[in-house]
Structures are given as C-alpha cells and as structure tokens.
C-alpha cells in the first residue's frame, strides 16, 4: 500500500486510514451496531496485514471502548513507531464534560492515552468547533499537549472554513502549533466542502482525511437498500434522510458506472473521493472481511474526467451540515 504525505507536514501515512468507530462494545455509547472485541480484532489485523498503518478513533466512540480495543490489540501487531495513531476530543459520555476547554482537553488526552496504552498519539484532533470556549484557549491547550510530548501533530474535523481559518491564524499569531489536517465529510452525495474548506486546505497545505467516503454505505448499494446499521444509525439519518430523493439520482449514477466498468459501487465511490485534489487518505470502515477485500482490490481504479463528470452531474446543493 502506498504512503502519502499528510499536507505539508513531515508525517507520512498509508493511503487508506482505518476508521475505528465500528469497533467497540455495542452496549456502551450510542452505536448499537458496533463490533465487540472478539469480532473487531480479526478485522484490525486484516487491515494491518494489507498495509494499513493509519488508525483513527475518538474518545467518544462507544464510550471509549474503541480506544480500549486498539490499545489492547494494536501493539501486539507492530512496534509503536510503525503505527500512525489518531484520536479526537470534544464529546464525552457525560454532558458536563463536552467541549474544548483547557481543562477538558488536558483531562481527555490523558484518558485517551490510558485507554490506548501509549504515551502519545501521532495526530490529536478536535472533533467539532466549540462555540462556548475561546479559540485562543483551545489552541494554546493543544499546543501544550504537543509540547508535553503527548501528541506529535494536531488536526481538526467538521467545521466552517472561517472557523478553521480563525483557529490557524490564532495559532500562527501566538507561535502555537497549527493543524496539519482536516477530517471532513467528502463523498458524492455531500460535496459542500468543495465550496470553501477544500480550497482553503489546498491553499494552506493542510491534508484532507475525509470521513464517510461512501456515505455510511449509501453509495455502496442501490437507492433505498437497508441494512441493520442504516436502521439503527440515527446520525446517518440526520446526515442524509432529508436529501434522500435527490441523493438517489447520484447513487444511480454510481450504480450505472459501476456496472459499465465491471466494478462495485463502493469501489467507484471511493475512487472518486481518493481522486479529489488534496485528499491524503480517506477514512474507511468495514464490519466484514469481504468489505475490506473489496476496498483493497479497488485501489487500482482511476476514473477518467468524463466518468467523474458523469458521477457529479446529478448533484444538487445541500444544506451545510456540521
């Protein structure tokens, strides 16, 4: 598997990042479709043995049990220096422990490191924008996390372009650590990031590590097809339910092109995201071995400009979601 440089930083990562929201105790947190430890570990091994060395999780995934599974298992696969490990901060199971205050950031990095069984993460990301904490407080706290050796780099996720630009400028003006990455939603049925965030990141040399490149599975099957996850995934409904009718036309375009190319829909949808300018490593998730095999065998797919135009043609503007 190829390795790509993350933005203008010195950090190189595998061309796919394994998103670890799928791994966690089903009875902890708000994702009843997650996989317990005994089902998670073989999938983590499968990805690692195929060359994936970039893993992304969050303190809030399954109430921290995603981090626990990684901390117990990753270091049986490889030495610490061979893994690029990313986690995120903002949410928590307790409502009074949500946000990006200095107090919470310093608490949560230590809690994540305990669960991950490591003394540092390679990429520490803010999961959302916190409207209740001055961005100066947040950026200085993140800088102190880096200077304490608990994180090598910092990144951001899912916010307005003006917010991201403001955070970067605050860090620059004060000599603090700046974000090297943006983890945002980029897929064929949600392309609003093309308006401002993607051009901003390209201009500033910030690497893109998109989440949900196949729209939580919606781009991998015909319109309207249901799975156990779609039936219980409240956040997925929040993201896509109101635009389902318009999105169906895009999904049909993916289906038609996949049939014409002799590929799967997921391979076509992921190829589109991988070819977006500025994208370093899409974050993929899978719950069955054959899903990852499908992803892996599709890495050779390169779409032509005409094929990309065909996929993009049915898209209509969406409400911006953060």
Protein backbone atom coordinates (compact mmCIF):
# COMPACT_ATOMS: atom_id res chain seq x y z
CA UNK A 1 0.00 0.00 0.00
CA UNK A 2 1.30 3.45 -0.90
CA UNK A 3 2.17 6.05 1.70
CA UNK A 4 1.26 9.71 1.28
CA UNK A 5 2.48 12.85 2.97
CA UNK A 6 -0.17 14.48 5.15
CA UNK A 7 -0.40 18.01 3.81
CA UNK A 8 2.88 19.91 4.09
CA UNK A 9 3.83 18.18 7.32
CA UNK A 10 6.59 15.61 7.61
CA UNK A 11 4.09 12.90 8.58
CA UNK A 12 3.51 10.13 6.04
CA UNK A 13 0.53 7.78 6.31
CA UNK A 14 -0.88 4.78 4.48
CA UNK A 15 -3.15 5.72 1.56
CA UNK A 16 -6.14 4.39 3.50
CA UNK A 17 -6.94 5.20 7.10
CA UNK A 18 -8.94 2.67 9.11
CA UNK A 19 -11.78 4.41 10.90
CA UNK A 20 -12.40 2.60 14.17
CA UNK A 21 -15.92 3.75 15.02
CA UNK A 22 -17.07 0.25 14.04
CA UNK A 23 -15.04 -1.31 16.85
CA UNK A 24 -16.46 -1.01 20.35
CA UNK A 25 -18.78 -2.50 22.94
CA UNK A 26 -22.33 -2.38 21.47
CA UNK A 27 -23.87 -1.65 24.88
CA UNK A 28 -21.60 1.32 25.54
CA UNK A 29 -22.29 4.65 23.85
CA UNK A 30 -24.84 5.31 21.14
CA UNK A 31 -23.83 2.86 18.40
CA UNK A 32 -25.57 -0.49 18.92
CA UNK A 33 -24.20 -1.74 15.58
CA UNK A 34 -20.54 -1.73 16.71
CA UNK A 35 -18.48 -4.92 16.97
CA UNK A 36 -17.18 -6.30 20.28
CA UNK A 37 -13.54 -7.10 20.85
CA UNK A 38 -13.55 -10.69 19.54
CA UNK A 39 -15.07 -9.58 16.23
CA UNK A 40 -13.03 -6.37 15.95
CA UNK A 41 -9.53 -7.78 16.33
CA UNK A 42 -9.53 -10.00 13.19
CA UNK A 43 -10.65 -7.02 11.10
CA UNK A 44 -7.94 -4.77 12.53
CA UNK A 45 -5.38 -7.48 11.75
CA UNK A 46 -6.71 -7.87 8.20
CA UNK A 47 -6.24 -4.16 7.52
CA UNK A 48 -2.78 -4.06 9.09
CA UNK A 49 -1.56 -7.09 7.16
CA UNK A 50 -2.71 -5.41 3.93
CA UNK A 51 -0.56 -2.35 4.70
CA UNK A 52 -2.88 -0.03 6.64
CA UNK A 53 -0.82 1.62 9.38
CA UNK A 54 -3.02 4.71 9.92
CA UNK A 55 -5.80 4.24 12.50
CA UNK A 56 -8.38 6.85 13.55
CA UNK A 57 -10.62 6.69 16.60
CA UNK A 58 -12.14 9.10 19.15
CA UNK A 59 -12.59 9.37 22.89
CA UNK A 60 -16.35 9.23 22.44
CA UNK A 61 -16.61 6.13 20.22
CA UNK A 62 -18.55 3.51 22.17
CA UNK A 63 -17.80 5.36 25.40
CA UNK A 64 -14.05 4.89 24.97
CA UNK A 65 -14.17 1.17 24.25
CA UNK A 66 -12.95 1.71 20.66
CA UNK A 67 -9.75 3.19 22.10
CA UNK A 68 -9.54 0.32 24.60
CA UNK A 69 -9.71 -2.32 21.87
CA UNK A 70 -6.99 -0.57 19.86
CA UNK A 71 -4.80 -0.13 22.92
CA UNK A 72 -5.05 -3.79 23.82
CA UNK A 73 -4.51 -5.11 20.30
CA UNK A 74 -2.50 -2.77 18.06
CA UNK A 75 0.74 -3.20 19.98
CA UNK A 76 0.56 -6.98 19.53
CA UNK A 77 0.72 -6.39 15.76
CA UNK A 78 3.57 -3.92 15.46
CA UNK A 79 6.00 -1.74 17.40
CA UNK A 80 4.64 1.69 18.33
CA UNK A 81 6.81 3.50 15.77
CA UNK A 82 5.22 1.58 12.88
CA UNK A 83 1.70 2.80 13.64
CA UNK A 84 0.23 6.25 12.99
CA UNK A 85 -2.48 6.60 15.62
CA UNK A 86 -5.08 9.35 15.62
CA UNK A 87 -7.83 10.13 18.08
CA UNK A 88 -10.21 13.02 18.71
CA UNK A 89 -11.50 15.17 21.54
CA UNK A 90 -14.75 17.06 22.11
CA UNK A 91 -17.55 14.71 23.09
CA UNK A 92 -17.88 12.62 26.22
CA UNK A 93 -20.49 10.35 27.75
CA UNK A 94 -21.09 12.98 30.46
CA UNK A 95 -22.83 16.18 29.23
CA UNK A 96 -20.77 18.34 31.59
CA UNK A 97 -17.56 17.03 30.01
CA UNK A 98 -18.17 18.20 26.46
CA UNK A 99 -16.19 20.87 24.66
CA UNK A 100 -12.69 22.16 24.05
CA UNK A 101 -11.78 23.99 27.22
CA UNK A 102 -8.23 23.72 28.52
CA UNK A 103 -9.45 21.66 31.46
CA UNK A 104 -11.25 19.15 29.26
CA UNK A 105 -8.51 18.84 26.64
CA UNK A 106 -5.87 18.10 29.28
CA UNK A 107 -8.19 15.61 31.01
CA UNK A 108 -9.22 13.86 27.82
CA UNK A 109 -5.76 13.43 26.30
CA UNK A 110 -4.64 11.62 29.44
CA UNK A 111 -7.78 9.45 29.45
CA UNK A 112 -7.29 8.57 25.78
CA UNK A 113 -3.63 7.67 26.31
CA UNK A 114 -4.57 5.37 29.21
CA UNK A 115 -7.13 3.58 27.05
CA UNK A 116 -4.77 3.41 24.05
CA UNK A 117 -1.88 2.17 26.23
CA UNK A 118 0.64 4.55 24.73
CA UNK A 119 2.44 7.68 25.85
CA UNK A 120 1.49 9.69 22.76
CA UNK A 121 -0.81 9.85 19.75
CA UNK A 122 0.51 10.88 16.37
CA UNK A 123 -2.49 13.06 15.49
CA UNK A 124 -4.79 14.67 18.07
CA UNK A 125 -7.89 16.20 16.50
CA UNK A 126 -10.70 18.42 17.69
CA UNK A 127 -13.92 16.62 16.76
CA UNK A 128 -16.05 19.74 16.36
CA UNK A 129 -15.93 23.51 16.89
CA UNK A 130 -16.73 24.62 20.43
CA UNK A 131 -18.79 27.83 20.38
CA UNK A 132 -18.53 28.20 24.16
CA UNK A 133 -14.74 28.28 24.54
CA UNK A 134 -12.44 31.00 23.16
CA UNK A 135 -10.40 29.53 20.34
CA UNK A 136 -7.28 31.04 21.94
CA UNK A 137 -7.82 28.81 24.98
CA UNK A 138 -8.29 25.73 22.81
CA UNK A 139 -5.27 26.31 20.58
CA UNK A 140 -2.94 27.06 23.49
CA UNK A 141 -4.08 23.89 25.27
CA UNK A 142 -3.47 21.82 22.12
CA UNK A 143 -0.03 23.43 21.77
CA UNK A 144 0.77 22.44 25.35
CA UNK A 145 -0.32 18.86 24.63
CA UNK A 146 2.17 18.77 21.76
CA UNK A 147 4.95 20.36 23.78
CA UNK A 148 4.33 17.84 26.58
CA UNK A 149 5.03 15.06 24.07
CA UNK A 150 1.52 13.63 24.28
CA UNK A 151 0.73 14.34 20.61
CA UNK A 152 3.03 14.75 17.65
CA UNK A 153 0.62 16.76 15.46
CA UNK A 154 -2.85 18.25 15.74
CA UNK A 155 -5.78 18.24 13.33
CA UNK A 156 -9.37 19.43 13.08
CA UNK A 157 -12.66 17.99 11.89
CA UNK A 158 -16.05 19.14 10.60
CA UNK A 159 -16.42 22.88 10.93
CA UNK A 160 -16.89 26.01 8.84
CA UNK A 161 -13.97 27.22 6.77
CA UNK A 162 -13.94 30.57 8.58
CA UNK A 163 -13.66 28.77 11.91
CA UNK A 164 -10.75 26.67 10.71
CA UNK A 165 -9.02 29.74 9.25
CA UNK A 166 -9.51 31.63 12.52
CA UNK A 167 -8.01 28.80 14.56
CA UNK A 168 -4.98 28.61 12.28
CA UNK A 169 -4.41 32.35 12.44
CA UNK A 170 -4.68 32.40 16.24
CA UNK A 171 -2.05 29.67 16.41
CA UNK A 172 0.22 31.43 13.89
CA UNK A 173 -0.01 34.79 15.64
CA UNK A 174 0.94 33.27 19.00
CA UNK A 175 3.61 30.87 17.80
CA UNK A 176 1.49 27.85 18.73
CA UNK A 177 1.15 24.53 16.92
CA UNK A 178 -1.09 24.65 13.86
CA UNK A 179 -3.37 21.99 12.42
CA UNK A 180 -1.86 19.80 9.71
CA UNK A 181 -5.07 18.01 8.73
CA UNK A 182 -8.80 18.40 8.21
CA UNK A 183 -11.12 15.44 8.72
CA UNK A 184 -14.32 16.41 6.96
CA UNK A 185 -17.13 14.74 5.07
CA UNK A 186 -16.37 14.34 1.35
CA UNK A 187 -18.43 11.99 -0.77
CA UNK A 188 -20.60 12.03 -3.89
CA UNK A 189 -23.82 12.85 -2.02
CA UNK A 190 -22.27 15.53 0.19
CA UNK A 191 -19.97 17.88 -1.70
CA UNK A 192 -20.48 21.17 0.13
CA UNK A 193 -16.86 21.11 1.34
CA UNK A 194 -15.82 21.85 -2.25
CA UNK A 195 -17.04 25.43 -1.86
CA UNK A 196 -14.66 26.74 0.81
CA UNK A 197 -12.98 24.16 3.03
CA UNK A 198 -11.22 22.11 0.37
CA UNK A 199 -9.81 25.17 -1.46
CA UNK A 200 -8.68 26.64 1.88
CA UNK A 201 -6.87 23.43 2.84
CA UNK A 202 -5.23 23.15 -0.58
CA UNK A 203 -4.05 26.75 -0.40
CA UNK A 204 -2.64 26.32 3.12
CA UNK A 205 -1.10 22.87 2.63
CA UNK A 206 -3.46 21.10 5.02
CA UNK A 207 -4.02 17.40 4.30
CA UNK A 208 -7.54 16.05 3.87
CA UNK A 209 -8.55 12.77 5.52
CA UNK A 210 -12.26 12.56 4.62
CA UNK A 211 -14.71 10.63 6.72
CA UNK A 212 -17.61 8.68 5.24
CA UNK A 213 -16.30 8.49 1.66
CA UNK A 214 -19.13 6.11 0.73
CA UNK A 215 -21.72 7.97 2.82
CA UNK A 216 -22.07 5.40 5.61
CA UNK A 217 -22.66 2.71 3.00
CA UNK A 218 -25.31 4.51 0.99
CA UNK A 219 -23.06 4.74 -2.07
CA UNK A 220 -22.30 1.02 -1.90
CA UNK A 221 -25.81 -0.27 -2.70
CA UNK A 222 -28.86 0.71 -4.79
CA UNK A 223 -31.08 3.57 -3.58
CA UNK A 224 -33.32 2.65 -0.68
CA UNK A 225 -31.49 -0.56 0.26
CA UNK A 226 -31.44 -1.02 4.03
CA UNK A 227 -29.01 -2.69 6.40
CA UNK A 228 -29.04 -3.24 10.14
CA UNK A 229 -26.80 -0.22 10.54
CA UNK A 230 -28.97 2.15 8.48
CA UNK A 231 -31.98 1.11 10.54
CA UNK A 232 -30.27 1.98 13.84
CA UNK A 233 -27.89 4.76 12.77
CA UNK A 234 -29.54 7.95 14.00
CA UNK A 235 -26.64 10.16 12.92
CA UNK A 236 -26.75 8.68 9.42
CA UNK A 237 -30.41 9.62 9.17
CA UNK A 238 -29.56 13.13 10.34
CA UNK A 239 -26.95 13.43 7.59
CA UNK A 240 -28.87 12.02 4.65
CA UNK A 241 -32.61 11.49 5.31
CA UNK A 242 -33.76 14.93 4.18
CA UNK A 243 -31.94 14.67 0.83
CA UNK A 244 -32.64 11.00 0.12
CA UNK A 245 -34.68 11.66 -3.02
CA UNK A 246 -32.03 13.88 -4.62
CA UNK A 247 -29.23 11.60 -3.44
CA UNK A 248 -30.90 8.63 -5.13
CA UNK A 249 -30.06 10.09 -8.54
CA UNK A 250 -26.38 10.29 -7.64
CA UNK A 251 -26.45 6.76 -6.26
CA UNK A 252 -27.99 5.53 -9.52
CA UNK A 253 -25.18 7.21 -11.44
CA UNK A 254 -22.68 5.33 -9.28
CA UNK A 255 -24.58 2.09 -9.87
CA UNK A 256 -24.67 2.61 -13.64
CA UNK A 257 -20.96 3.42 -13.89
CA UNK A 258 -20.02 0.50 -11.65
CA UNK A 259 -21.94 -1.86 -13.91
CA UNK A 260 -20.32 -0.38 -17.01
CA UNK A 261 -16.82 -0.75 -15.52
CA UNK A 262 -17.38 -4.17 -14.01
CA UNK A 263 -16.65 -2.76 -10.57
CA UNK A 264 -18.60 -2.50 -7.34
CA UNK A 265 -20.40 0.67 -6.33
CA UNK A 266 -18.18 1.08 -3.28
CA UNK A 267 -15.04 0.93 -5.42
CA UNK A 268 -16.36 3.64 -7.75
CA UNK A 269 -17.47 5.91 -4.90
CA UNK A 270 -14.15 5.55 -3.08
CA UNK A 271 -12.17 6.15 -6.27
CA UNK A 272 -13.98 9.47 -6.70
CA UNK A 273 -13.03 10.58 -3.17
CA UNK A 274 -9.45 9.35 -3.48
CA UNK A 275 -9.00 11.42 -6.65
CA UNK A 276 -10.21 14.68 -5.08
CA UNK A 277 -7.32 17.18 -5.06
CA UNK A 278 -5.79 17.46 -1.62
CA UNK A 279 -7.05 14.13 -0.29
CA UNK A 280 -4.30 12.20 1.52
CA UNK A 281 -6.11 9.18 2.95
CA UNK A 282 -9.86 8.53 3.03
CA UNK A 283 -11.09 7.05 6.29
CA UNK A 284 -12.71 3.71 5.59
CA UNK A 285 -14.71 1.44 7.86
CA UNK A 286 -15.78 -2.15 7.48
CA UNK A 287 -17.54 -4.80 9.52
CA UNK A 288 -16.95 -7.88 7.35
CA UNK A 289 -13.68 -9.19 5.82
CA UNK A 290 -15.08 -9.19 2.30
CA UNK A 291 -15.83 -5.46 2.53
CA UNK A 292 -12.17 -4.67 3.11
CA UNK A 293 -11.09 -7.06 0.34
CA UNK A 294 -13.45 -5.19 -1.99
CA UNK A 295 -11.87 -1.88 -0.97
CA UNK A 296 -8.35 -3.20 -1.41
CA UNK A 297 -8.96 -4.62 -4.89
CA UNK A 298 -10.41 -1.28 -5.97
CA UNK A 299 -7.30 0.78 -5.26
CA UNK A 300 -6.19 0.42 -8.86
CA UNK A 301 -9.32 2.14 -10.19
CA UNK A 302 -8.67 5.56 -11.71
CA UNK A 303 -11.69 7.40 -13.04
CA UNK A 304 -11.43 9.45 -16.23
CA UNK A 305 -12.52 13.12 -16.27
CA UNK A 306 -15.58 12.04 -18.26
CA UNK A 307 -16.51 9.40 -15.68
CA UNK A 308 -16.08 11.88 -12.85
CA UNK A 309 -18.33 14.36 -14.65
CA UNK A 310 -20.93 11.63 -15.13
CA UNK A 311 -20.97 10.88 -11.41
CA UNK A 312 -21.14 14.54 -10.40
CA UNK A 313 -23.82 15.67 -12.84
CA UNK A 314 -26.94 14.75 -10.77
CA UNK A 315 -25.77 16.52 -7.60
CA UNK A 316 -27.76 19.44 -6.25
CA UNK A 317 -26.69 21.80 -3.40
CA UNK A 318 -27.28 20.50 0.11
CA UNK A 319 -27.75 22.20 3.44
CA UNK A 320 -24.35 22.53 5.10
CA UNK A 321 -24.07 20.06 7.97
CA UNK A 322 -21.68 20.41 10.90
